[in-house]
Amino acid sequence: MRCPFCGHEDSQVKDSRPADDGASIRRRRACIECGARFTTFERIQLRDLVVLKSDGRAEAFDREKIIKAMHIALRKRPVADQKIEQAANSIVRQLETLGDNEISSSKIGELVMKALTQLDVIGYIRFASVYKNFREPDDFNDFLEEIERLQVKNKEGIE
């Protein structure tokens, strides 16, 4: 593993343990050259995923894009980073178990929205307003009315 401080090609593992999410391994490393210490994470990857964009382009799947989008949607909201990581891991597992290496960006967006509904409704609304490309205030109002109907429906189903 390359040292992020001096760029030396080799480092030594000092400690390994499961990460908080249980889906990765956290490794503490020390650079053989400069002695700096840093942490790496190792995750299971079942397959190489390719994202098919709406304009026809294809690009390699990047888990960090999901996390970044969720962080933006949840900015200044009371959701812990650990919850975002867990949601992202769940989304990646769902994508990997679909059985197809090529996944549409819309499928990923749907899974992110589903995860956000369980984390924070405001984050869900923020993400959906960009994802669904609201152009007029009425688009936003229609969406909020839909959310209210779903919440009422869910409350009635619970009681």
Foldseek 3Di string as FASTA:
>chain_A
DADPPPRDPDWAWDDWDQDPLNQWIKTWIARPPPGDIDIDIGGDDLDWAWEQEPVGDIDTDDLVVLLVLLCVLQPPHPFDSVLSVNLSVVLNVVVSVVPDRYHYVVVSLVSSLVSCVVGDVSSSLSSCCVVVVDDDVVVSVVVVVVVVVVVVVVVVVVD
